[in-house]
C-alpha atoms as a PDB file:
ATOM      1  CA  MET A   1     120.665 101.345  50.799  1.00  0.00           C
ATOM      2  CA  ASN A   2     121.963 102.471  54.143  1.00  0.00           C
ATOM      3  CA  ILE A   3     123.117  99.550  56.256  1.00  0.00           C
ATOM      4  CA  ASN A   4     122.791 101.691  59.386  1.00  0.00           C
ATOM      5  CA  ASP A   5     119.064 102.125  58.822  1.00  0.00           C
ATOM      6  CA  LYS A   6     117.019  99.969  61.197  1.00  0.00           C
ATOM      7  CA  SER A   7     114.528  98.895  58.514  1.00  0.00           C
ATOM      8  CA  VAL A   8     117.368  97.847  56.202  1.00  0.00           C
ATOM      9  CA  LEU A   9     118.958  95.793  58.973  1.00  0.00           C
ATOM     10  CA  GLU A  10     115.644  94.105  59.708  1.00  0.00           C
ATOM     11  CA  MET A  11     115.213  93.303  56.033  1.00  0.00           C
ATOM     12  CA  LEU A  12     118.752  91.879  55.828  1.00  0.00           C
ATOM     13  CA  ASN A  13     118.163  89.738  58.901  1.00  0.00           C
ATOM     14  CA  LYS A  14     114.994  88.397  57.354  1.00  0.00           C
ATOM     15  CA  LEU A  15     116.870  87.605  54.136  1.00  0.00           C
ATOM     16  CA  ILE A  16     119.547  85.778  56.103  1.00  0.00           C
ATOM     17  CA  VAL A  17     117.004  83.648  57.941  1.00  0.00           C
ATOM     18  CA  VAL A  18     114.689  82.926  55.005  1.00  0.00           C
ATOM     19  CA  ASN A  19     117.522  82.038  52.623  1.00  0.00           C
ATOM     20  CA  ARG A  20     119.653  80.364  55.308  1.00  0.00           C
ATOM     21  CA  LEU A  21     122.736  82.228  54.180  1.00  0.00           C
ATOM     22  CA  ASN A  22     126.163  81.056  55.260  1.00  0.00           C
ATOM     23  CA  LYS A  23     128.929  83.357  56.528  1.00  0.00           C
ATOM     24  CA  SER A  24     130.461  84.089  53.151  1.00  0.00           C
ATOM     25  CA  GLN A  25     127.039  84.841  51.632  1.00  0.00           C
ATOM     26  CA  ILE A  26     126.249  87.198  54.514  1.00  0.00           C
ATOM     27  CA  LEU A  27     129.546  89.038  54.034  1.00  0.00           C
ATOM     28  CA  GLN A  28     128.909  89.279  50.324  1.00  0.00           C
ATOM     29  CA  MET A  29     125.418  90.660  50.977  1.00  0.00           C
ATOM     30  CA  VAL A  30     126.756  93.256  53.416  1.00  0.00           C
ATOM     31  CA  ASN A  31     129.270  94.404  50.818  1.00  0.00           C
ATOM     32  CA  LEU A  32     126.564  94.748  48.180  1.00  0.00           C
ATOM     33  CA  VAL A  33     124.038  96.629  50.319  1.00  0.00           C
ATOM     34  CA  SER A  34     125.734  99.982  49.861  1.00  0.00           C
ATOM     35  CA  ILE A  35     125.624  99.782  46.056  1.00  0.00           C
ATOM     36  CA  SER A  36     122.063  98.468  45.912  1.00  0.00           C
ATOM     37  CA  ASN A  37     119.094 100.799  45.577  1.00  0.00           C
ATOM     38  CA  ASP A  38     116.502  98.464  47.084  1.00  0.00           C
ATOM     39  CA  ILE A  39     115.872  94.841  48.001  1.00  0.00           C
ATOM     40  CA  ASN A  40     115.248  93.803  44.399  1.00  0.00           C
ATOM     41  CA  ASP A  41     118.492  95.394  43.326  1.00  0.00           C
ATOM     42  CA  LEU A  42     120.295  93.636  46.180  1.00  0.00           C
ATOM     43  CA  ASN A  43     118.850  90.275  45.137  1.00  0.00           C
ATOM     44  CA  ASP A  44     119.919  90.892  41.537  1.00  0.00           C
ATOM     45  CA  ASN A  45     123.420  91.842  42.667  1.00  0.00           C
ATOM     46  CA  LEU A  46     123.676  88.755  44.858  1.00  0.00           C
ATOM     47  CA  LYS A  47     122.545  86.538  42.008  1.00  0.00           C
ATOM     48  CA  TRP A  48     124.996  88.161  39.609  1.00  0.00           C
ATOM     49  CA  GLU A  49     127.865  87.752  42.067  1.00  0.00           C
ATOM     50  CA  SER A  50     127.050  84.115  42.735  1.00  0.00           C
ATOM     51  CA  ASP A  51     126.787  83.395  38.998  1.00  0.00           C
ATOM     52  CA  LYS A  52     130.087  85.168  38.404  1.00  0.00           C
ATOM     53  CA  SER A  53     131.885  83.193  41.108  1.00  0.00           C
ATOM     54  CA  PHE A  54     130.354  79.938  39.835  1.00  0.00           C
ATOM     55  CA  HIS A  55     131.691  80.553  36.325  1.00  0.00           C
ATOM     56  CA  GLN A  56     135.127  81.485  37.618  1.00  0.00           C
ATOM     57  CA  ASN A  57     135.386  78.123  39.375  1.00  0.00           C
ATOM     58  CA  ILE A  58     134.702  76.115  36.232  1.00  0.00           C
END
C-alpha cells in the first residue's frame, strides 16, 4: 500500500481512532504499510508483529 495515497491515509487514521492505537503501535503500523497489500494484510501483519513481540518478552 502506498502511504502517500489519500485513501490509505484516511484508512490508517480510521484504524488509529477505532483501535485507539498508542504511539508505538502507530509507528509499527506505518512501518508495515509499505509491505502490506491491503487492509487485511496490514491487520495480519500487525497481529503477527504484536504476537512476536509478546513472545519475545516472556
